[in-house]
Amino acid sequence: MTAISKARLVCPKYGRFYLPPKELRPCGDEFQDDKFYFDSARNEAIRLRERLGLSEKSSVLDVGCGVGRLATGIIDVFGEIHKYRGLDICPCYIKWCRQFIASEHPEYQFILLDMYNERYNKTGVRADSGINLSFSDGEFDIVYLYSVFSHMVKEDVEHYVKEFGRILAPEGKVFITAFIEEGVPEMTINPENYRLNWNGALHCVRYDKSYFERMLASNGFILDHFDYEKETDGQSGLYISKIG
């Protein structure tokens, strides 16, 4: 029996939704609770509606979609929207999303992105010469990344931000969470004495806020709002707009 078929046997039902098995739920221990997980999914959709203008007409790219937490929230709050695409480098997440979300909501599509990451996908394609996602120029209104750049080195972050500039519509919006501090080195991997006891490859990648803002500006973005340490594990929330 495959891992995903085993997972199917223990997927809890919450209202009309299947939730992922607890062993497939990333982020903190609190996400093991079904009500907390589902409420957090709804809250992410509401966040994007209130802060980034998400509506039934929106096109959303969910990078690092995991087991479709954001998609679940959007479906519950809005039903169908114009377009949702979820990307992840972990095959088990994409398989689960296709089986339990896309099978009921075919407008929500989940795509395996075989990119190298030292923590999650050591056999993937390296982004040494940049990233070219298979989407058209200006295809999306919103790009969403929850706890993605927190496990990614700055060269890869810069590649992704540049590509977001291409695939976002004029004045498109981005929401990310990341470990961002003032007055620290541009990038530190698993910083000592910082919040938790980090271990393993890219468990925590922390960035300097000034560096991050310069990097965004050089790629045609502006940081609209910064919510310090309001997210999982003390990450900060960044609300970003494409300029022009």
C-alpha atoms as a PDB file:
ATOM      1  CA  MET A   1       0.000   0.000   0.000  1.00  0.00           C
ATOM      2  CA  THR A   2       1.411   3.371  -0.971  1.00  0.00           C
ATOM      3  CA  ALA A   3       1.906   6.201   1.521  1.00  0.00           C
ATOM      4  CA  ILE A   4      -0.852   8.222  -0.089  1.00  0.00           C
ATOM      5  CA  SER A   5      -3.359   5.362  -0.013  1.00  0.00           C
ATOM      6  CA  LYS A   6      -2.524   4.775   3.624  1.00  0.00           C
ATOM      7  CA  ALA A   7      -3.134   8.464   4.206  1.00  0.00           C
ATOM      8  CA  ARG A   8      -6.566   8.176   2.584  1.00  0.00           C
ATOM      9  CA  LEU A   9      -7.667   5.746   5.298  1.00  0.00           C
ATOM     10  CA  VAL A  10      -7.117   8.279   8.065  1.00  0.00           C
ATOM     11  CA  CYS A  11      -8.261  11.530   6.438  1.00  0.00           C
ATOM     12  CA  PRO A  12     -10.723  13.158   8.848  1.00  0.00           C
ATOM     13  CA  LYS A  13     -13.923  14.718   7.547  1.00  0.00           C
ATOM     14  CA  TYR A  14     -14.681  18.244   8.767  1.00  0.00           C
ATOM     15  CA  GLY A  15     -18.063  19.355   7.577  1.00  0.00           C
ATOM     16  CA  ARG A  16     -18.063  18.839   3.819  1.00  0.00           C
ATOM     17  CA  PHE A  17     -14.258  18.807   3.555  1.00  0.00           C
ATOM     18  CA  TYR A  18     -11.689  16.084   3.872  1.00  0.00           C
ATOM     19  CA  LEU A  19      -8.692  17.292   5.830  1.00  0.00           C
ATOM     20  CA  PRO A  20      -5.187  15.936   5.292  1.00  0.00           C
ATOM     21  CA  PRO A  21      -3.939  13.236   7.662  1.00  0.00           C
ATOM     22  CA  LYS A  22      -2.057  14.724  10.556  1.00  0.00           C
ATOM     23  CA  GLU A  23       1.290  13.354   9.394  1.00  0.00           C
ATOM     24  CA  LEU A  24       0.965  15.435   6.223  1.00  0.00           C
ATOM     25  CA  ARG A  25       0.200  18.715   7.973  1.00  0.00           C
ATOM     26  CA  PRO A  26       3.190  21.086   8.017  1.00  0.00           C
ATOM     27  CA  CYS A  27       3.742  24.035  10.365  1.00  0.00           C
ATOM     28  CA  GLY A  28       3.289  23.940  14.130  1.00  0.00           C
ATOM     29  CA  ASP A  29       1.715  21.368  16.445  1.00  0.00           C
ATOM     30  CA  GLU A  30      -1.484  23.408  16.686  1.00  0.00           C
ATOM     31  CA  PHE A  31      -2.303  22.435  13.085  1.00  0.00           C
ATOM     32  CA  GLN A  32      -2.843  18.855  14.281  1.00  0.00           C
ATOM     33  CA  ASP A  33      -6.191  19.980  15.689  1.00  0.00           C
ATOM     34  CA  ASP A  34      -8.867  19.700  12.990  1.00  0.00           C
ATOM     35  CA  LYS A  35     -10.804  22.796  14.032  1.00  0.00           C
ATOM     36  CA  PHE A  36      -7.641  24.892  14.269  1.00  0.00           C
ATOM     37  CA  TYR A  37      -6.506  23.657  10.842  1.00  0.00           C
ATOM     38  CA  PHE A  38      -9.845  24.388   9.181  1.00  0.00           C
ATOM     39  CA  ASP A  39     -10.261  27.764  10.866  1.00  0.00           C
ATOM     40  CA  SER A  40      -6.728  28.707   9.786  1.00  0.00           C
ATOM     41  CA  ALA A  41      -7.607  27.801   6.186  1.00  0.00           C
ATOM     42  CA  ARG A  42     -10.652  30.089   6.277  1.00  0.00           C
ATOM     43  CA  ASN A  43      -8.652  32.836   7.943  1.00  0.00           C
ATOM     44  CA  GLU A  44      -6.059  32.780   5.150  1.00  0.00           C
ATOM     45  CA  ALA A  45      -8.784  33.236   2.532  1.00  0.00           C
ATOM     46  CA  ILE A  46     -10.323  36.061   4.564  1.00  0.00           C
ATOM     47  CA  ARG A  47      -6.891  37.650   4.980  1.00  0.00           C
ATOM     48  CA  LEU A  48      -6.407  37.707   1.222  1.00  0.00           C
ATOM     49  CA  ARG A  49      -9.907  39.089   0.680  1.00  0.00           C
ATOM     50  CA  GLU A  50      -9.437  41.909   3.169  1.00  0.00           C
ATOM     51  CA  ARG A  51      -5.787  42.751   2.533  1.00  0.00           C
ATOM     52  CA  LEU A  52      -5.111  41.799  -1.113  1.00  0.00           C
ATOM     53  CA  GLY A  53      -8.545  42.115  -2.699  1.00  0.00           C
ATOM     54  CA  LEU A  54      -9.222  38.417  -3.307  1.00  0.00           C
ATOM     55  CA  SER A  55     -12.584  37.907  -5.006  1.00  0.00           C
ATOM     56  CA  GLU A  56     -14.415  35.422  -7.221  1.00  0.00           C
ATOM     57  CA  LYS A  57     -12.691  37.082 -10.211  1.00  0.00           C
ATOM     58  CA  SER A  58      -9.145  36.617  -8.874  1.00  0.00           C
ATOM     59  CA  SER A  59      -6.356  34.430 -10.220  1.00  0.00           C
ATOM     60  CA  VAL A  60      -4.231  33.037  -7.375  1.00  0.00           C
ATOM     61  CA  LEU A  61      -0.858  31.300  -7.439  1.00  0.00           C
ATOM     62  CA  ASP A  62      -0.160  29.392  -4.215  1.00  0.00           C
ATOM     63  CA  VAL A  63       3.575  28.616  -4.087  1.00  0.00           C
ATOM     64  CA  GLY A  64       4.402  25.887  -1.596  1.00  0.00           C
ATOM     65  CA  CYS A  65       0.730  24.926  -1.426  1.00  0.00           C
ATOM     66  CA  GLY A  66       1.380  21.898   0.780  1.00  0.00           C
ATOM     67  CA  VAL A  67      -1.847  19.988   1.326  1.00  0.00           C
ATOM     68  CA  GLY A  68      -4.025  22.787   0.001  1.00  0.00           C
ATOM     69  CA  ARG A  69      -4.798  24.690   3.185  1.00  0.00           C
ATOM     70  CA  LEU A  70      -5.338  27.961   1.318  1.00  0.00           C
ATOM     71  CA  ALA A  71      -7.372  26.235  -1.395  1.00  0.00           C
ATOM     72  CA  THR A  72      -9.642  24.704   1.249  1.00  0.00           C
ATOM     73  CA  GLY A  73     -10.202  28.122   2.792  1.00  0.00           C
ATOM     74  CA  ILE A  74     -10.917  29.799  -0.543  1.00  0.00           C
ATOM     75  CA  ILE A  75     -13.413  27.092  -1.497  1.00  0.00           C
ATOM     76  CA  ASP A  76     -15.225  27.460   1.820  1.00  0.00           C
ATOM     77  CA  VAL A  77     -15.330  31.277   1.680  1.00  0.00           C
ATOM     78  CA  PHE A  78     -15.828  31.848  -2.063  1.00  0.00           C
ATOM     79  CA  GLY A  79     -16.585  28.535  -3.736  1.00  0.00           C
ATOM     80  CA  GLU A  80     -15.009  28.858  -7.155  1.00  0.00           C
ATOM     81  CA  ILE A  81     -12.737  31.694  -8.225  1.00  0.00           C
ATOM     82  CA  HIS A  82     -11.451  32.541 -11.683  1.00  0.00           C
ATOM     83  CA  LYS A  83      -8.219  30.595 -11.273  1.00  0.00           C
ATOM     84  CA  TYR A  84      -6.273  28.796  -8.557  1.00  0.00           C
ATOM     85  CA  ARG A  85      -2.955  27.062  -9.161  1.00  0.00           C
ATOM     86  CA  GLY A  86      -1.027  25.374  -6.372  1.00  0.00           C
ATOM     87  CA  LEU A  87       2.671  24.506  -6.692  1.00  0.00           C
ATOM     88  CA  ASP A  88       4.741  22.288  -4.424  1.00  0.00           C
ATOM     89  CA  ILE A  89       7.979  20.314  -4.645  1.00  0.00           C
ATOM     90  CA  CYS A  90       6.686  17.430  -2.492  1.00  0.00           C
ATOM     91  CA  PRO A  91       4.888  14.736  -4.552  1.00  0.00           C
ATOM     92  CA  CYS A  92       2.850  13.444  -1.600  1.00  0.00           C
ATOM     93  CA  TYR A  93       1.253  16.861  -1.100  1.00  0.00           C
ATOM     94  CA  ILE A  94       0.342  17.225  -4.755  1.00  0.00           C
ATOM     95  CA  LYS A  95      -1.112  13.705  -4.870  1.00  0.00           C
ATOM     96  CA  TRP A  96      -3.262  14.398  -1.838  1.00  0.00           C
ATOM     97  CA  CYS A  97      -4.521  17.715  -3.216  1.00  0.00           C
ATOM     98  CA  ARG A  98      -5.410  16.189  -6.556  1.00  0.00           C
ATOM     99  CA  GLN A  99      -7.246  13.310  -4.912  1.00  0.00           C
ATOM    100  CA  PHE A 100      -9.164  15.221  -2.260  1.00  0.00           C
ATOM    101  CA  ILE A 101      -9.520  18.772  -3.607  1.00  0.00           C
ATOM    102  CA  ALA A 102      -9.132  18.851  -7.393  1.00  0.00           C
ATOM    103  CA  SER A 103     -11.336  15.771  -7.844  1.00  0.00           C
ATOM    104  CA  GLU A 104     -14.269  17.785  -6.455  1.00  0.00           C
ATOM    105  CA  HIS A 105     -13.131  21.208  -7.699  1.00  0.00           C
ATOM    106  CA  PRO A 106     -11.387  20.774 -11.074  1.00  0.00           C
ATOM    107  CA  GLU A 107     -10.818  24.532 -11.406  1.00  0.00           C
ATOM    108  CA  TYR A 108      -8.303  24.147  -8.587  1.00  0.00           C
ATOM    109  CA  GLN A 109      -5.188  22.642 -10.143  1.00  0.00           C
ATOM    110  CA  PHE A 110      -2.110  21.355  -8.333  1.00  0.00           C
ATOM    111  CA  ILE A 111       1.257  21.115 -10.070  1.00  0.00           C
ATOM    112  CA  LEU A 112       4.449  19.371  -8.988  1.00  0.00           C
ATOM    113  CA  LEU A 113       7.390  21.765  -9.205  1.00  0.00           C
ATOM    114  CA  ASP A 114      10.588  19.735  -9.375  1.00  0.00           C
ATOM    115  CA  MET A 115      12.970  22.409  -8.094  1.00  0.00           C
ATOM    116  CA  TYR A 116      15.982  21.727  -5.898  1.00  0.00           C
ATOM    117  CA  ASN A 117      15.763  22.476  -2.201  1.00  0.00           C
ATOM    118  CA  GLU A 118      18.321  21.172   0.250  1.00  0.00           C
ATOM    119  CA  ARG A 119      15.652  20.455   2.849  1.00  0.00           C
ATOM    120  CA  TYR A 120      12.760  19.128   0.782  1.00  0.00           C
ATOM    121  CA  ASN A 121      13.915  18.070  -2.686  1.00  0.00           C
ATOM    122  CA  LYS A 122      17.601  17.285  -3.124  1.00  0.00           C
ATOM    123  CA  THR A 123      17.092  15.680  -6.540  1.00  0.00           C
ATOM    124  CA  GLY A 124      15.248  18.619  -8.094  1.00  0.00           C
ATOM    125  CA  VAL A 125      16.426  21.002 -10.797  1.00  0.00           C
ATOM    126  CA  ARG A 126      18.715  23.746  -9.521  1.00  0.00           C
ATOM    127  CA  ALA A 127      17.703  27.328 -10.212  1.00  0.00           C
ATOM    128  CA  ASP A 128      21.229  28.502 -10.981  1.00  0.00           C
ATOM    129  CA  SER A 129      20.186  30.351 -14.123  1.00  0.00           C
ATOM    130  CA  GLY A 130      16.788  31.502 -12.919  1.00  0.00           C
ATOM    131  CA  ILE A 131      13.279  30.108 -12.698  1.00  0.00           C
ATOM    132  CA  ASN A 132      10.748  30.013 -15.507  1.00  0.00           C
ATOM    133  CA  LEU A 133       7.341  28.973 -14.215  1.00  0.00           C
ATOM    134  CA  SER A 134       5.009  27.672 -16.913  1.00  0.00           C
ATOM    135  CA  PHE A 135       2.601  30.589 -16.758  1.00  0.00           C
ATOM    136  CA  SER A 136       1.909  33.535 -19.029  1.00  0.00           C
ATOM    137  CA  ASP A 137       2.989  37.105 -18.401  1.00  0.00           C
ATOM    138  CA  GLY A 138       0.529  38.852 -16.110  1.00  0.00           C
ATOM    139  CA  GLU A 139      -1.516  35.700 -15.512  1.00  0.00           C
ATOM    140  CA  PHE A 140      -2.086  36.141 -11.764  1.00  0.00           C
ATOM    141  CA  ASP A 141      -3.474  38.840  -9.490  1.00  0.00           C
ATOM    142  CA  ILE A 142      -2.173  37.326  -6.236  1.00  0.00           C
ATOM    143  CA  VAL A 143       0.850  35.223  -5.324  1.00  0.00           C
ATOM    144  CA  TYR A 144       0.836  33.577  -1.888  1.00  0.00           C
ATOM    145  CA  LEU A 145       3.728  31.909  -0.051  1.00  0.00           C
ATOM    146  CA  TYR A 146       3.333  30.717   3.528  1.00  0.00           C
ATOM    147  CA  SER A 147       6.556  29.532   5.181  1.00  0.00           C
ATOM    148  CA  VAL A 148       8.368  29.069   1.870  1.00  0.00           C
ATOM    149  CA  PHE A 149      11.128  31.685   1.823  1.00  0.00           C
ATOM    150  CA  SER A 150      11.809  30.691   5.435  1.00  0.00           C
ATOM    151  CA  HIS A 151      13.432  27.515   4.011  1.00  0.00           C
ATOM    152  CA  MET A 152      15.132  28.981   0.940  1.00  0.00           C
ATOM    153  CA  VAL A 153      18.524  30.612   0.315  1.00  0.00           C
ATOM    154  CA  LYS A 154      18.606  34.148  -0.995  1.00  0.00           C
ATOM    155  CA  GLU A 155      19.761  33.285  -4.526  1.00  0.00           C
ATOM    156  CA  ASP A 156      16.622  31.170  -4.990  1.00  0.00           C
ATOM    157  CA  VAL A 157      14.419  33.778  -3.308  1.00  0.00           C
ATOM    158  CA  GLU A 158      15.706  36.377  -5.768  1.00  0.00           C
ATOM    159  CA  HIS A 159      14.964  34.088  -8.726  1.00  0.00           C
ATOM    160  CA  TYR A 160      11.390  33.560  -7.553  1.00  0.00           C
ATOM    161  CA  VAL A 161      10.736  37.245  -6.879  1.00  0.00           C
ATOM    162  CA  LYS A 162      11.981  38.133 -10.352  1.00  0.00           C
ATOM    163  CA  GLU A 163       9.643  35.548 -11.872  1.00  0.00           C
ATOM    164  CA  PHE A 164       6.720  36.848  -9.826  1.00  0.00           C
ATOM    165  CA  GLY A 165       7.299  40.200 -11.477  1.00  0.00           C
ATOM    166  CA  ARG A 166       6.696  38.537 -14.838  1.00  0.00           C
ATOM    167  CA  ILE A 167       3.614  36.450 -14.044  1.00  0.00           C
ATOM    168  CA  LEU A 168       1.810  39.060 -11.924  1.00  0.00           C
ATOM    169  CA  ALA A 169      -0.609  41.490 -13.500  1.00  0.00           C
ATOM    170  CA  PRO A 170       0.141  45.215 -13.119  1.00  0.00           C
ATOM    171  CA  GLU A 171      -0.408  46.217  -9.499  1.00  0.00           C
ATOM    172  CA  GLY A 172      -0.609  42.536  -8.514  1.00  0.00           C
ATOM    173  CA  LYS A 173      -0.135  41.574  -4.889  1.00  0.00           C
ATOM    174  CA  VAL A 174       2.081  39.139  -2.990  1.00  0.00           C
ATOM    175  CA  PHE A 175       1.743  37.806   0.544  1.00  0.00           C
ATOM    176  CA  ILE A 176       4.616  35.937   2.136  1.00  0.00           C
ATOM    177  CA  THR A 177       5.742  34.873   5.564  1.00  0.00           C
ATOM    178  CA  ALA A 178       9.434  34.834   6.394  1.00  0.00           C
ATOM    179  CA  PHE A 179      11.915  35.279   9.205  1.00  0.00           C
ATOM    180  CA  ILE A 180      12.781  38.964   8.860  1.00  0.00           C
ATOM    181  CA  GLU A 181      14.734  41.030  11.390  1.00  0.00           C
ATOM    182  CA  GLU A 182      16.439  44.411  11.444  1.00  0.00           C
ATOM    183  CA  GLY A 183      20.186  44.786  11.873  1.00  0.00           C
ATOM    184  CA  VAL A 184      21.175  41.189  11.098  1.00  0.00           C
ATOM    185  CA  PRO A 185      23.262  39.737   8.233  1.00  0.00           C
ATOM    186  CA  GLU A 186      21.551  39.620   4.852  1.00  0.00           C
ATOM    187  CA  MET A 187      20.947  35.876   5.282  1.00  0.00           C
ATOM    188  CA  THR A 188      21.601  33.480   8.156  1.00  0.00           C
ATOM    189  CA  ILE A 189      20.867  29.768   8.001  1.00  0.00           C
ATOM    190  CA  ASN A 190      19.697  28.215  11.301  1.00  0.00           C
ATOM    191  CA  PRO A 191      20.729  31.206  13.452  1.00  0.00           C
ATOM    192  CA  GLU A 192      21.773  30.266  16.975  1.00  0.00           C
ATOM    193  CA  ASN A 193      19.731  31.438  19.968  1.00  0.00           C
ATOM    194  CA  TYR A 194      16.937  32.648  17.719  1.00  0.00           C
ATOM    195  CA  ARG A 195      13.394  31.645  18.683  1.00  0.00           C
ATOM    196  CA  LEU A 196      13.778  27.850  18.466  1.00  0.00           C
ATOM    197  CA  ASN A 197      16.474  25.202  18.315  1.00  0.00           C
ATOM    198  CA  TRP A 198      16.856  24.949  14.555  1.00  0.00           C
ATOM    199  CA  ASN A 199      18.406  21.807  13.106  1.00  0.00           C
ATOM    200  CA  GLY A 200      18.736  20.199   9.727  1.00  0.00           C
ATOM    201  CA  ALA A 201      19.135  21.766   6.311  1.00  0.00           C
ATOM    202  CA  LEU A 202      17.401  25.159   5.899  1.00  0.00           C
ATOM    203  CA  HIS A 203      15.204  24.670   8.957  1.00  0.00           C
ATOM    204  CA  CYS A 204      15.222  28.440   9.444  1.00  0.00           C
ATOM    205  CA  VAL A 205      16.582  30.973   6.955  1.00  0.00           C
ATOM    206  CA  ARG A 206      16.516  34.478   8.428  1.00  0.00           C
ATOM    207  CA  TYR A 207      16.813  37.673   6.376  1.00  0.00           C
ATOM    208  CA  ASP A 208      17.686  41.277   7.087  1.00  0.00           C
ATOM    209  CA  LYS A 209      14.716  43.574   6.509  1.00  0.00           C
ATOM    210  CA  SER A 210      16.720  46.244   4.664  1.00  0.00           C
ATOM    211  CA  TYR A 211      18.196  43.662   2.307  1.00  0.00           C
ATOM    212  CA  PHE A 212      14.757  42.203   1.659  1.00  0.00           C
ATOM    213  CA  GLU A 213      13.245  45.582   0.830  1.00  0.00           C
ATOM    214  CA  ARG A 214      16.134  46.413  -1.536  1.00  0.00           C
ATOM    215  CA  MET A 215      15.733  43.057  -3.246  1.00  0.00           C
ATOM    216  CA  LEU A 216      12.006  43.635  -3.700  1.00  0.00           C
ATOM    217  CA  ALA A 217      12.567  47.144  -5.076  1.00  0.00           C
ATOM    218  CA  SER A 218      15.154  45.933  -7.575  1.00  0.00           C
ATOM    219  CA  ASN A 219      12.514  43.569  -8.967  1.00  0.00           C
ATOM    220  CA  GLY A 220       9.719  46.145  -9.212  1.00  0.00           C
ATOM    221  CA  PHE A 221       7.982  45.572  -5.865  1.00  0.00           C
ATOM    222  CA  ILE A 222       7.249  47.654  -2.791  1.00  0.00           C
ATOM    223  CA  LEU A 223       6.609  46.464   0.757  1.00  0.00           C
ATOM    224  CA  ASP A 224       3.188  47.851   1.689  1.00  0.00           C
ATOM    225  CA  HIS A 225       2.908  46.489   5.198  1.00  0.00           C
ATOM    226  CA  PHE A 226       5.030  44.452   7.613  1.00  0.00           C
ATOM    227  CA  ASP A 227       3.482  42.437  10.453  1.00  0.00           C
ATOM    228  CA  TYR A 228       6.351  41.516  12.736  1.00  0.00           C
ATOM    229  CA  GLU A 229       6.410  37.944  14.145  1.00  0.00           C
ATOM    230  CA  LYS A 230       2.641  37.402  13.804  1.00  0.00           C
ATOM    231  CA  GLU A 231       2.870  34.060  11.968  1.00  0.00           C
ATOM    232  CA  THR A 232       3.939  30.467  12.627  1.00  0.00           C
ATOM    233  CA  ASP A 233       7.156  30.081  14.656  1.00  0.00           C
ATOM    234  CA  GLY A 234       7.498  33.868  14.884  1.00  0.00           C
ATOM    235  CA  GLN A 235       7.675  34.556  11.160  1.00  0.00           C
ATOM    236  CA  SER A 236       6.560  37.947   9.916  1.00  0.00           C
ATOM    237  CA  GLY A 237       3.875  38.654   7.339  1.00  0.00           C
ATOM    238  CA  LEU A 238       4.801  40.820   4.343  1.00  0.00           C
ATOM    239  CA  TYR A 239       2.194  42.460   2.102  1.00  0.00           C
ATOM    240  CA  ILE A 240       3.814  43.402  -1.196  1.00  0.00           C
ATOM    241  CA  SER A 241       2.656  45.189  -4.363  1.00  0.00           C
ATOM    242  CA  LYS A 242       3.998  45.139  -7.873  1.00  0.00           C
ATOM    243  CA  ILE A 243       4.791  48.664  -9.019  1.00  0.00           C
ATOM    244  CA  GLY A 244       3.085  49.588 -12.263  1.00  0.00           C
END
